[in-house]
Amino acid sequence: MKTKITFRHVKSQPELQEAALEAAERFEKFYNGITSTDIIFKNEADKTVEFTVRVQGNTLIAKETSDEFHKSLYVASDKMIRQLQKRKEKVYHSI
Protein backbone atom coordinates (compact mmCIF):
# COMPACT_ATOMS: atom_id res chain seq x y z
CA MET A 1 0.00 0.00 0.00
CA LYS A 2 1.27 3.45 -0.91
CA THR A 3 0.81 6.21 1.65
CA LYS A 4 1.11 9.91 0.84
CA ILE A 5 1.06 12.63 3.51
CA THR A 6 0.44 16.27 2.62
CA PHE A 7 0.60 19.34 4.87
CA ARG A 8 -1.33 22.40 3.64
CA HIS A 9 -0.76 25.76 5.31
CA VAL A 10 1.20 24.09 8.10
CA LYS A 11 4.80 22.95 8.49
CA SER A 12 5.51 19.23 8.36
CA GLN A 13 5.64 17.77 11.87
CA PRO A 14 7.41 14.42 12.40
CA GLU A 15 5.11 13.34 15.25
CA LEU A 16 2.04 13.93 13.07
CA GLN A 17 3.63 12.03 10.19
CA GLU A 18 4.38 9.08 12.44
CA ALA A 19 0.87 9.06 13.94
CA ALA A 20 -0.64 9.26 10.44
CA LEU A 21 1.46 6.34 9.19
CA GLU A 22 0.44 4.26 12.21
CA ALA A 23 -3.22 5.04 11.51
CA ALA A 24 -2.80 4.05 7.85
CA GLU A 25 -1.17 0.77 8.88
CA ARG A 26 -4.15 0.03 11.13
CA PHE A 27 -6.45 0.24 8.09
CA GLU A 28 -4.80 -2.85 6.59
CA LYS A 29 -5.98 -4.90 9.58
CA PHE A 30 -9.60 -4.13 8.66
CA TYR A 31 -9.47 -4.44 4.86
CA ASN A 32 -6.97 -6.28 2.66
CA GLY A 33 -7.66 -4.65 -0.72
CA ILE A 34 -6.28 -1.16 0.00
CA THR A 35 -4.18 0.15 -2.90
CA SER A 36 -3.26 3.62 -1.58
CA THR A 37 -3.91 6.08 1.23
CA ASP A 38 -3.65 9.87 1.06
CA ILE A 39 -3.57 11.85 4.30
CA ILE A 40 -4.01 15.62 4.20
CA PHE A 41 -3.43 17.95 7.15
CA LYS A 42 -5.02 21.40 6.62
CA ASN A 43 -4.68 24.41 8.87
CA GLU A 44 -7.47 26.79 7.94
CA ALA A 45 -9.89 28.14 10.54
CA ASP A 46 -9.51 24.87 12.44
CA LYS A 47 -7.28 21.82 12.10
CA THR A 48 -8.59 19.37 9.50
CA VAL A 49 -7.41 15.85 8.71
CA GLU A 50 -8.67 14.04 5.62
CA PHE A 51 -8.09 10.39 4.72
CA THR A 52 -8.63 9.23 1.15
CA VAL A 53 -8.34 5.46 0.87
CA ARG A 54 -8.51 3.74 -2.48
CA VAL A 55 -9.75 0.17 -2.45
CA GLN A 56 -10.53 -2.11 -5.35
CA GLY A 57 -13.27 -0.30 -7.23
CA ASN A 58 -13.99 2.49 -4.72
CA THR A 59 -12.58 5.57 -3.02
CA LEU A 60 -13.42 6.12 0.64
CA ILE A 61 -13.07 9.53 2.30
CA ALA A 62 -13.12 10.45 5.98
CA LYS A 63 -12.66 14.04 7.14
CA GLU A 64 -12.62 15.58 10.60
CA THR A 65 -12.12 19.13 11.86
CA SER A 66 -11.30 20.14 15.42
CA ASP A 67 -9.04 22.43 17.41
CA GLU A 68 -6.08 19.96 17.40
CA PHE A 69 -4.51 17.84 14.66
CA HIS A 70 -4.15 14.79 16.91
CA LYS A 71 -7.83 14.84 17.83
CA SER A 72 -8.84 15.25 14.19
CA LEU A 73 -6.48 12.44 13.18
CA TYR A 74 -7.90 9.91 15.63
CA VAL A 75 -11.54 10.73 14.93
CA ALA A 76 -11.01 10.64 11.15
CA SER A 77 -9.13 7.33 11.39
CA ASP A 78 -12.00 5.84 13.42
CA LYS A 79 -14.45 7.03 10.75
CA MET A 80 -12.33 5.39 8.06
CA ILE A 81 -12.12 2.12 10.00
CA ARG A 82 -15.93 2.03 10.22
CA GLN A 83 -16.16 2.62 6.45
CA LEU A 84 -13.63 -0.13 5.75
CA GLN A 85 -15.49 -2.58 8.00
CA LYS A 86 -18.77 -1.76 6.27
CA ARG A 87 -17.14 -2.18 2.85
CA LYS A 88 -15.62 -5.51 3.84
CA GLU A 89 -18.96 -6.76 5.15
CA LYS A 90 -20.73 -5.66 1.98
CA VAL A 91 -18.15 -7.27 -0.34
CA TYR A 92 -17.80 -10.57 1.49
CA HIS A 93 -21.50 -11.08 2.22
CA SER A 94 -22.47 -10.49 -1.42
CA ILE A 95 -20.43 -13.50 -2.57
PDB file of N, CA and C in Angstrom:
ATOM      1  N   MET A   1       0.844  -1.181   0.000  1.00  0.00           N
ATOM      2  CA  MET A   1       0.000   0.000   0.000  1.00  0.00           C
ATOM      3  C   MET A   1       0.887   1.242   0.000  1.00  0.00           C
ATOM      4  N   LYS A   2       0.560   2.180  -0.866  1.00  0.00           N
ATOM      5  CA  LYS A   2       1.273   3.447  -0.911  1.00  0.00           C
ATOM      6  C   LYS A   2       0.572   4.446   0.025  1.00  0.00           C
ATOM      7  N   THR A   3       1.358   5.199   0.757  1.00  0.00           N
ATOM      8  CA  THR A   3       0.808   6.213   1.651  1.00  0.00           C
ATOM      9  C   THR A   3       1.459   7.547   1.340  1.00  0.00           C
ATOM     10  N   LYS A   4       0.626   8.566   1.141  1.00  0.00           N
ATOM     11  CA  LYS A   4       1.114   9.912   0.838  1.00  0.00           C
ATOM     12  C   LYS A   4       0.566  10.863   1.898  1.00  0.00           C
ATOM     13  N   ILE A   5       1.453  11.665   2.482  1.00  0.00           N
ATOM     14  CA  ILE A   5       1.056  12.626   3.513  1.00  0.00           C
ATOM     15  C   ILE A   5       1.327  14.024   2.998  1.00  0.00           C
ATOM     16  N   THR A   6       0.325  14.901   3.100  1.00  0.00           N
ATOM     17  CA  THR A   6       0.439  16.274   2.623  1.00  0.00           C
ATOM     18  C   THR A   6       0.084  17.234   3.761  1.00  0.00           C
ATOM     19  N   PHE A   7       0.877  18.280   3.896  1.00  0.00           N
ATOM     20  CA  PHE A   7       0.596  19.344   4.865  1.00  0.00           C
ATOM     21  C   PHE A   7       0.264  20.611   4.095  1.00  0.00           C
ATOM     22  N   ARG A   8      -0.920  21.164   4.313  1.00  0.00           N
ATOM     23  CA  ARG A   8      -1.331  22.405   3.644  1.00  0.00           C
ATOM     24  C   ARG A   8      -1.464  23.511   4.677  1.00  0.00           C
ATOM     25  N   HIS A   9      -0.752  24.588   4.437  1.00  0.00           N
ATOM     26  CA  HIS A   9      -0.765  25.763   5.309  1.00  0.00           C
ATOM     27  C   HIS A   9      -0.248  25.451   6.714  1.00  0.00           C
ATOM     28  N   VAL A  10       0.599  24.453   6.817  1.00  0.00           N
ATOM     29  CA  VAL A  10       1.202  24.093   8.097  1.00  0.00           C
ATOM     30  C   VAL A  10       2.527  23.388   7.800  1.00  0.00           C
ATOM     31  N   LYS A  11       3.505  23.599   8.655  1.00  0.00           N
ATOM     32  CA  LYS A  11       4.801  22.946   8.485  1.00  0.00           C
ATOM     33  C   LYS A  11       4.685  21.462   8.809  1.00  0.00           C
ATOM     34  N   SER A  12       5.475  20.680   8.123  1.00  0.00           N
ATOM     35  CA  SER A  12       5.514  19.234   8.365  1.00  0.00           C
ATOM     36  C   SER A  12       6.004  18.974   9.793  1.00  0.00           C
ATOM     37  N   GLN A  13       5.290  18.105  10.497  1.00  0.00           N
ATOM     38  CA  GLN A  13       5.644  17.772  11.871  1.00  0.00           C
ATOM     39  C   GLN A  13       5.876  16.269  11.958  1.00  0.00           C
ATOM     40  N   PRO A  14       7.081  15.860  12.363  1.00  0.00           N
ATOM     41  CA  PRO A  14       7.406  14.422  12.397  1.00  0.00           C
ATOM     42  C   PRO A  14       6.460  13.583  13.259  1.00  0.00           C
ATOM     43  N   GLU A  15       6.010  14.122  14.394  1.00  0.00           N
ATOM     44  CA  GLU A  15       5.114  13.335  15.248  1.00  0.00           C
ATOM     45  C   GLU A  15       3.757  13.124  14.588  1.00  0.00           C
ATOM     46  N   LEU A  16       3.293  14.104  13.801  1.00  0.00           N
ATOM     47  CA  LEU A  16       2.039  13.930  13.070  1.00  0.00           C
ATOM     48  C   LEU A  16       2.211  12.924  11.938  1.00  0.00           C
ATOM     49  N   GLN A  17       3.358  12.987  11.256  1.00  0.00           N
ATOM     50  CA  GLN A  17       3.626  12.028  10.188  1.00  0.00           C
ATOM     51  C   GLN A  17       3.639  10.608  10.731  1.00  0.00           C
ATOM     52  N   GLU A  18       4.298  10.415  11.850  1.00  0.00           N
ATOM     53  CA  GLU A  18       4.385   9.079  12.444  1.00  0.00           C
ATOM     54  C   GLU A  18       3.010   8.587  12.875  1.00  0.00           C
ATOM     55  N   ALA A  19       2.221   9.448  13.504  1.00  0.00           N
ATOM     56  CA  ALA A  19       0.875   9.065  13.940  1.00  0.00           C
ATOM     57  C   ALA A  19      -0.009   8.738  12.729  1.00  0.00           C
ATOM     58  N   ALA A  20       0.141   9.499  11.646  1.00  0.00           N
ATOM     59  CA  ALA A  20      -0.645   9.256  10.443  1.00  0.00           C
ATOM     60  C   ALA A  20      -0.263   7.926   9.795  1.00  0.00           C
ATOM     61  N   LEU A  21       1.021   7.617   9.752  1.00  0.00           N
ATOM     62  CA  LEU A  21       1.464   6.335   9.188  1.00  0.00           C
ATOM     63  C   LEU A  21       0.957   5.160  10.025  1.00  0.00           C
ATOM     64  N   GLU A  22       0.966   5.309  11.335  1.00  0.00           N
ATOM     65  CA  GLU A  22       0.437   4.257  12.210  1.00  0.00           C
ATOM     66  C   GLU A  22      -1.056   4.048  11.958  1.00  0.00           C
ATOM     67  N   ALA A  23      -1.783   5.148  11.780  1.00  0.00           N
ATOM     68  CA  ALA A  23      -3.220   5.042  11.506  1.00  0.00           C
ATOM     69  C   ALA A  23      -3.450   4.333  10.170  1.00  0.00           C
ATOM     70  N   ALA A  24      -2.658   4.678   9.160  1.00  0.00           N
ATOM     71  CA  ALA A  24      -2.801   4.047   7.846  1.00  0.00           C
ATOM     72  C   ALA A  24      -2.478   2.554   7.914  1.00  0.00           C
ATOM     73  N   GLU A  25      -1.505   2.186   8.714  1.00  0.00           N
ATOM     74  CA  GLU A  25      -1.169   0.771   8.875  1.00  0.00           C
ATOM     75  C   GLU A  25      -2.310   0.004   9.557  1.00  0.00           C
ATOM     76  N   ARG A  26      -3.010   0.668  10.460  1.00  0.00           N
ATOM     77  CA  ARG A  26      -4.154   0.034  11.129  1.00  0.00           C
ATOM     78  C   ARG A  26      -5.253  -0.321  10.132  1.00  0.00           C
ATOM     79  N   PHE A  27      -5.400   0.490   9.074  1.00  0.00           N
ATOM     80  CA  PHE A  27      -6.446   0.238   8.087  1.00  0.00           C
ATOM     81  C   PHE A  27      -6.292  -1.135   7.448  1.00  0.00           C
ATOM     82  N   GLU A  28      -5.049  -1.571   7.243  1.00  0.00           N
ATOM     83  CA  GLU A  28      -4.802  -2.854   6.589  1.00  0.00           C
ATOM     84  C   GLU A  28      -5.310  -4.035   7.422  1.00  0.00           C
ATOM     85  N   LYS A  29      -5.449  -3.844   8.719  1.00  0.00           N
ATOM     86  CA  LYS A  29      -5.985  -4.904   9.577  1.00  0.00           C
ATOM     87  C   LYS A  29      -7.481  -5.118   9.322  1.00  0.00           C
ATOM     88  N   PHE A  30      -8.158  -4.067   8.838  1.00  0.00           N
ATOM     89  CA  PHE A  30      -9.602  -4.127   8.665  1.00  0.00           C
ATOM     90  C   PHE A  30     -10.031  -4.419   7.237  1.00  0.00           C
ATOM     91  N   TYR A  31      -9.122  -4.197   6.261  1.00  0.00           N
ATOM     92  CA  TYR A  31      -9.468  -4.442   4.858  1.00  0.00           C
ATOM     93  C   TYR A  31      -8.187  -4.737   4.089  1.00  0.00           C
ATOM     94  N   ASN A  32      -8.180  -5.846   3.352  1.00  0.00           N
ATOM     95  CA  ASN A  32      -6.967  -6.283   2.664  1.00  0.00           C
ATOM     96  C   ASN A  32      -6.748  -5.647   1.295  1.00  0.00           C
ATOM     97  N   GLY A  33      -7.782  -5.130   0.657  1.00  0.00           N
ATOM     98  CA  GLY A  33      -7.662  -4.649  -0.717  1.00  0.00           C
ATOM     99  C   GLY A  33      -7.325  -3.177  -0.868  1.00  0.00           C
ATOM    100  N   ILE A  34      -6.632  -2.576   0.079  1.00  0.00           N
ATOM    101  CA  ILE A  34      -6.284  -1.155  -0.001  1.00  0.00           C
ATOM    102  C   ILE A  34      -5.108  -0.985  -0.960  1.00  0.00           C
ATOM    103  N   THR A  35      -5.270  -0.095  -1.958  1.00  0.00           N
ATOM    104  CA  THR A  35      -4.183   0.145  -2.901  1.00  0.00           C
ATOM    105  C   THR A  35      -3.363   1.373  -2.527  1.00  0.00           C
ATOM    106  N   SER A  36      -4.011   2.426  -2.005  1.00  0.00           N
ATOM    107  CA  SER A  36      -3.262   3.616  -1.585  1.00  0.00           C
ATOM    108  C   SER A  36      -4.056   4.411  -0.556  1.00  0.00           C
ATOM    109  N   THR A  37      -3.315   5.209   0.205  1.00  0.00           N
ATOM    110  CA  THR A  37      -3.913   6.079   1.227  1.00  0.00           C
ATOM    111  C   THR A  37      -3.278   7.459   1.115  1.00  0.00           C
ATOM    112  N   ASP A  38      -4.112   8.480   1.032  1.00  0.00           N
ATOM    113  CA  ASP A  38      -3.649   9.870   1.062  1.00  0.00           C
ATOM    114  C   ASP A  38      -4.135  10.493   2.363  1.00  0.00           C
ATOM    115  N   ILE A  39      -3.232  11.186   3.044  1.00  0.00           N
ATOM    116  CA  ILE A  39      -3.574  11.847   4.298  1.00  0.00           C
ATOM    117  C   ILE A  39      -3.230  13.320   4.148  1.00  0.00           C
ATOM    118  N   ILE A  40      -4.208  14.179   4.366  1.00  0.00           N
ATOM    119  CA  ILE A  40      -4.008  15.622   4.204  1.00  0.00           C
ATOM    120  C   ILE A  40      -4.267  16.318   5.535  1.00  0.00           C
ATOM    121  N   PHE A  41      -3.291  17.104   5.964  1.00  0.00           N
ATOM    122  CA  PHE A  41      -3.431  17.955   7.147  1.00  0.00           C
ATOM    123  C   PHE A  41      -3.617  19.382   6.649  1.00  0.00           C
ATOM    124  N   LYS A  42      -4.735  20.026   7.025  1.00  0.00           N
ATOM    125  CA  LYS A  42      -5.015  21.400   6.616  1.00  0.00           C
ATOM    126  C   LYS A  42      -5.147  22.280   7.848  1.00  0.00           C
ATOM    127  N   ASN A  43      -4.547  23.449   7.781  1.00  0.00           N
ATOM    128  CA  ASN A  43      -4.685  24.413   8.865  1.00  0.00           C
ATOM    129  C   ASN A  43      -5.385  25.640   8.306  1.00  0.00           C
ATOM    130  N   GLU A  44      -6.693  25.651   8.398  1.00  0.00           N
ATOM    131  CA  GLU A  44      -7.471  26.794   7.941  1.00  0.00           C
ATOM    132  C   GLU A  44      -8.029  27.469   9.181  1.00  0.00           C
ATOM    133  N   ALA A  45      -9.329  27.580   9.315  1.00  0.00           N
ATOM    134  CA  ALA A  45      -9.894  28.145  10.541  1.00  0.00           C
ATOM    135  C   ALA A  45      -9.648  27.200  11.712  1.00  0.00           C
ATOM    136  N   ASP A  46      -9.793  25.907  11.447  1.00  0.00           N
ATOM    137  CA  ASP A  46      -9.508  24.865  12.435  1.00  0.00           C
ATOM    138  C   ASP A  46      -8.545  23.867  11.818  1.00  0.00           C
ATOM    139  N   LYS A  47      -8.198  22.857  12.561  1.00  0.00           N
ATOM    140  CA  LYS A  47      -7.276  21.823  12.098  1.00  0.00           C
ATOM    141  C   LYS A  47      -8.089  20.683  11.485  1.00  0.00           C
ATOM    142  N   THR A  48      -7.845  20.396  10.219  1.00  0.00           N
ATOM    143  CA  THR A  48      -8.587  19.373   9.495  1.00  0.00           C
ATOM    144  C   THR A  48      -7.657  18.262   9.050  1.00  0.00           C
ATOM    145  N   VAL A  49      -8.120  17.025   9.208  1.00  0.00           N
ATOM    146  CA  VAL A  49      -7.405  15.852   8.706  1.00  0.00           C
ATOM    147  C   VAL A  49      -8.359  15.110   7.782  1.00  0.00           C
ATOM    148  N   GLU A  50      -7.854  14.751   6.593  1.00  0.00           N
ATOM    149  CA  GLU A  50      -8.671  14.035   5.617  1.00  0.00           C
ATOM    150  C   GLU A  50      -7.935  12.790   5.150  1.00  0.00           C
ATOM    151  N   PHE A  51      -8.610  11.656   5.238  1.00  0.00           N
ATOM    152  CA  PHE A  51      -8.087  10.393   4.720  1.00  0.00           C
ATOM    153  C   PHE A  51      -8.808  10.070   3.424  1.00  0.00           C
ATOM    154  N   THR A  52      -8.068   9.739   2.382  1.00  0.00           N
ATOM    155  CA  THR A  52      -8.631   9.229   1.146  1.00  0.00           C
ATOM    156  C   THR A  52      -8.006   7.863   0.920  1.00  0.00           C
ATOM    157  N   VAL A  53      -8.827   6.835   1.012  1.00  0.00           N
ATOM    158  CA  VAL A  53      -8.343   5.459   0.875  1.00  0.00           C
ATOM    159  C   VAL A  53      -8.938   4.872  -0.395  1.00  0.00           C
ATOM    160  N   ARG A  54      -8.060   4.374  -1.253  1.00  0.00           N
ATOM    161  CA  ARG A  54      -8.511   3.736  -2.483  1.00  0.00           C
ATOM    162  C   ARG A  54      -8.475   2.224  -2.291  1.00  0.00           C
ATOM    163  N   VAL A  55      -9.631   1.626  -2.506  1.00  0.00           N
ATOM    164  CA  VAL A  55      -9.748   0.172  -2.447  1.00  0.00           C
ATOM    165  C   VAL A  55     -10.176  -0.294  -3.833  1.00  0.00           C
ATOM    166  N   GLN A  56     -10.179  -1.575  -4.043  1.00  0.00           N
ATOM    167  CA  GLN A  56     -10.534  -2.114  -5.350  1.00  0.00           C
ATOM    168  C   GLN A  56     -11.930  -1.651  -5.747  1.00  0.00           C
ATOM    169  N   GLY A  57     -11.989  -0.745  -6.709  1.00  0.00           N
ATOM    170  CA  GLY A  57     -13.269  -0.299  -7.234  1.00  0.00           C
ATOM    171  C   GLY A  57     -13.897   0.905  -6.557  1.00  0.00           C
ATOM    172  N   ASN A  58     -13.380   1.371  -5.445  1.00  0.00           N
ATOM    173  CA  ASN A  58     -13.989   2.491  -4.720  1.00  0.00           C
ATOM    174  C   ASN A  58     -12.935   3.405  -4.108  1.00  0.00           C
ATOM    175  N   THR A  59     -13.381   4.615  -3.779  1.00  0.00           N
ATOM    176  CA  THR A  59     -12.577   5.565  -3.019  1.00  0.00           C
ATOM    177  C   THR A  59     -13.376   5.950  -1.785  1.00  0.00           C
ATOM    178  N   LEU A  60     -12.765   5.784  -0.624  1.00  0.00           N
ATOM    179  CA  LEU A  60     -13.422   6.120   0.639  1.00  0.00           C
ATOM    180  C   LEU A  60     -12.762   7.369   1.214  1.00  0.00           C
ATOM    181  N   ILE A  61     -13.581   8.276   1.753  1.00  0.00           N
ATOM    182  CA  ILE A  61     -13.066   9.534   2.298  1.00  0.00           C
ATOM    183  C   ILE A  61     -13.612   9.738   3.706  1.00  0.00           C
ATOM    184  N   ALA A  62     -12.718  10.097   4.619  1.00  0.00           N
ATOM    185  CA  ALA A  62     -13.116  10.453   5.982  1.00  0.00           C
ATOM    186  C   ALA A  62     -12.420  11.760   6.341  1.00  0.00           C
ATOM    187  N   LYS A  63     -13.196  12.715   6.827  1.00  0.00           N
ATOM    188  CA  LYS A  63     -12.656  14.039   7.144  1.00  0.00           C
ATOM    189  C   LYS A  63     -13.138  14.446   8.528  1.00  0.00           C
ATOM    190  N   GLU A  64     -12.246  15.092   9.270  1.00  0.00           N
ATOM    191  CA  GLU A  64     -12.616  15.578  10.601  1.00  0.00           C
ATOM    192  C   GLU A  64     -11.925  16.906  10.865  1.00  0.00           C
ATOM    193  N   THR A  65     -12.639  17.819  11.504  1.00  0.00           N
ATOM    194  CA  THR A  65     -12.119  19.134  11.859  1.00  0.00           C
ATOM    195  C   THR A  65     -12.290  19.347  13.354  1.00  0.00           C
ATOM    196  N   SER A  66     -11.228  19.820  13.997  1.00  0.00           N
ATOM    197  CA  SER A  66     -11.304  20.141  15.423  1.00  0.00           C
ATOM    198  C   SER A  66     -10.239  21.196  15.734  1.00  0.00           C
ATOM    199  N   ASP A  67     -10.001  21.419  17.011  1.00  0.00           N
ATOM    200  CA  ASP A  67      -9.037  22.433  17.410  1.00  0.00           C
ATOM    201  C   ASP A  67      -7.602  21.898  17.485  1.00  0.00           C
ATOM    202  N   GLU A  68      -7.421  20.565  17.366  1.00  0.00           N
ATOM    203  CA  GLU A  68      -6.084  19.956  17.402  1.00  0.00           C
ATOM    204  C   GLU A  68      -5.950  18.926  16.298  1.00  0.00           C
ATOM    205  N   PHE A  69      -4.753  18.826  15.714  1.00  0.00           N
ATOM    206  CA  PHE A  69      -4.512  17.843  14.664  1.00  0.00           C
ATOM    207  C   PHE A  69      -4.631  16.411  15.189  1.00  0.00           C
ATOM    208  N   HIS A  70      -4.102  16.156  16.377  1.00  0.00           N
ATOM    209  CA  HIS A  70      -4.147  14.793  16.906  1.00  0.00           C
ATOM    210  C   HIS A  70      -5.588  14.320  17.113  1.00  0.00           C
ATOM    211  N   LYS A  71      -6.427  15.190  17.620  1.00  0.00           N
ATOM    212  CA  LYS A  71      -7.832  14.838  17.832  1.00  0.00           C
ATOM    213  C   LYS A  71      -8.507  14.565  16.486  1.00  0.00           C
ATOM    214  N   SER A  72      -8.272  15.435  15.523  1.00  0.00           N
ATOM    215  CA  SER A  72      -8.842  15.249  14.188  1.00  0.00           C
ATOM    216  C   SER A  72      -8.354  13.951  13.559  1.00  0.00           C
ATOM    217  N   LEU A  73      -7.073  13.651  13.745  1.00  0.00           N
ATOM    218  CA  LEU A  73      -6.478  12.441  13.178  1.00  0.00           C
ATOM    219  C   LEU A  73      -7.152  11.188  13.733  1.00  0.00           C
ATOM    220  N   TYR A  74      -7.325  11.117  15.026  1.00  0.00           N
ATOM    221  CA  TYR A  74      -7.895   9.914  15.632  1.00  0.00           C
ATOM    222  C   TYR A  74      -9.370   9.748  15.291  1.00  0.00           C
ATOM    223  N   VAL A  75     -10.123  10.839  15.271  1.00  0.00           N
ATOM    224  CA  VAL A  75     -11.544  10.731  14.935  1.00  0.00           C
ATOM    225  C   VAL A  75     -11.707  10.349  13.460  1.00  0.00           C
ATOM    226  N   ALA A  76     -10.931  10.966  12.581  1.00  0.00           N
ATOM    227  CA  ALA A  76     -11.013  10.642  11.153  1.00  0.00           C
ATOM    228  C   ALA A  76     -10.582   9.204  10.886  1.00  0.00           C
ATOM    229  N   SER A  77      -9.560   8.726  11.592  1.00  0.00           N
ATOM    230  CA  SER A  77      -9.131   7.333  11.386  1.00  0.00           C
ATOM    231  C   SER A  77     -10.201   6.364  11.872  1.00  0.00           C
ATOM    232  N   ASP A  78     -10.891   6.685  12.957  1.00  0.00           N
ATOM    233  CA  ASP A  78     -11.997   5.836  13.420  1.00  0.00           C
ATOM    234  C   ASP A  78     -13.139   5.816  12.403  1.00  0.00           C
ATOM    235  N   LYS A  79     -13.422   6.968  11.794  1.00  0.00           N
ATOM    236  CA  LYS A  79     -14.451   7.026  10.751  1.00  0.00           C
ATOM    237  C   LYS A  79     -14.064   6.137   9.573  1.00  0.00           C
ATOM    238  N   MET A  80     -12.785   6.192   9.188  1.00  0.00           N
ATOM    239  CA  MET A  80     -12.326   5.393   8.063  1.00  0.00           C
ATOM    240  C   MET A  80     -12.399   3.903   8.390  1.00  0.00           C
ATOM    241  N   ILE A  81     -12.048   3.531   9.604  1.00  0.00           N
ATOM    242  CA  ILE A  81     -12.121   2.124   9.998  1.00  0.00           C
ATOM    243  C   ILE A  81     -13.563   1.615   9.899  1.00  0.00           C
ATOM    244  N   ARG A  82     -14.524   2.429  10.331  1.00  0.00           N
ATOM    245  CA  ARG A  82     -15.932   2.030  10.218  1.00  0.00           C
ATOM    246  C   ARG A  82     -16.325   1.845   8.754  1.00  0.00           C
ATOM    247  N   GLN A  83     -15.860   2.752   7.874  1.00  0.00           N
ATOM    248  CA  GLN A  83     -16.165   2.621   6.450  1.00  0.00           C
ATOM    249  C   GLN A  83     -15.541   1.352   5.867  1.00  0.00           C
ATOM    250  N   LEU A  84     -14.305   1.061   6.260  1.00  0.00           N
ATOM    251  CA  LEU A  84     -13.633  -0.134   5.754  1.00  0.00           C
ATOM    252  C   LEU A  84     -14.338  -1.410   6.235  1.00  0.00           C
ATOM    253  N   GLN A  85     -14.767  -1.421   7.483  1.00  0.00           N
ATOM    254  CA  GLN A  85     -15.492  -2.584   8.002  1.00  0.00           C
ATOM    255  C   GLN A  85     -16.811  -2.780   7.258  1.00  0.00           C
ATOM    256  N   LYS A  86     -17.508  -1.684   6.998  1.00  0.00           N
ATOM    257  CA  LYS A  86     -18.765  -1.757   6.271  1.00  0.00           C
ATOM    258  C   LYS A  86     -18.536  -2.251   4.848  1.00  0.00           C
ATOM    259  N   ARG A  87     -17.487  -1.751   4.214  1.00  0.00           N
ATOM    260  CA  ARG A  87     -17.144  -2.179   2.852  1.00  0.00           C
ATOM    261  C   ARG A  87     -16.794  -3.662   2.826  1.00  0.00           C
ATOM    262  N   LYS A  88     -16.017  -4.110   3.780  1.00  0.00           N
ATOM    263  CA  LYS A  88     -15.623  -5.511   3.842  1.00  0.00           C
ATOM    264  C   LYS A  88     -16.852  -6.403   4.028  1.00  0.00           C
ATOM    265  N   GLU A  89     -17.742  -5.990   4.912  1.00  0.00           N
ATOM    266  CA  GLU A  89     -18.958  -6.758   5.150  1.00  0.00           C
ATOM    267  C   GLU A  89     -19.810  -6.833   3.888  1.00  0.00           C
ATOM    268  N   LYS A  90     -19.923  -5.714   3.199  1.00  0.00           N
ATOM    269  CA  LYS A  90     -20.728  -5.657   1.982  1.00  0.00           C
ATOM    270  C   LYS A  90     -20.133  -6.550   0.888  1.00  0.00           C
ATOM    271  N   VAL A  91     -18.818  -6.499   0.712  1.00  0.00           N
ATOM    272  CA  VAL A  91     -18.153  -7.269  -0.341  1.00  0.00           C
ATOM    273  C   VAL A  91     -18.214  -8.761  -0.049  1.00  0.00           C
ATOM    274  N   TYR A  92     -17.886  -9.148   1.166  1.00  0.00           N
ATOM    275  CA  TYR A  92     -17.796 -10.567   1.485  1.00  0.00           C
ATOM    276  C   TYR A  92     -19.160 -11.230   1.672  1.00  0.00           C
ATOM    277  N   HIS A  93     -20.180 -10.486   2.052  1.00  0.00           N
ATOM    278  CA  HIS A  93     -21.504 -11.081   2.216  1.00  0.00           C
ATOM    279  C   HIS A  93     -22.266 -11.157   0.895  1.00  0.00           C
ATOM    280  N   SER A  94     -21.799 -10.434  -0.123  1.00  0.00           N
ATOM    281  CA  SER A  94     -22.469 -10.486  -1.416  1.00  0.00           C
ATOM    282  C   SER A  94     -22.017 -11.684  -2.247  1.00  0.00           C
ATOM    283  N   ILE A  95     -20.965 -12.353  -1.805  1.00  0.00           N
ATOM    284  CA  ILE A  95     -20.431 -13.499  -2.571  1.00  0.00           C
ATOM    285  C   ILE A  95     -21.229 -14.747  -2.272  1.00  0.00           C
TER     286      ILE A  95
END
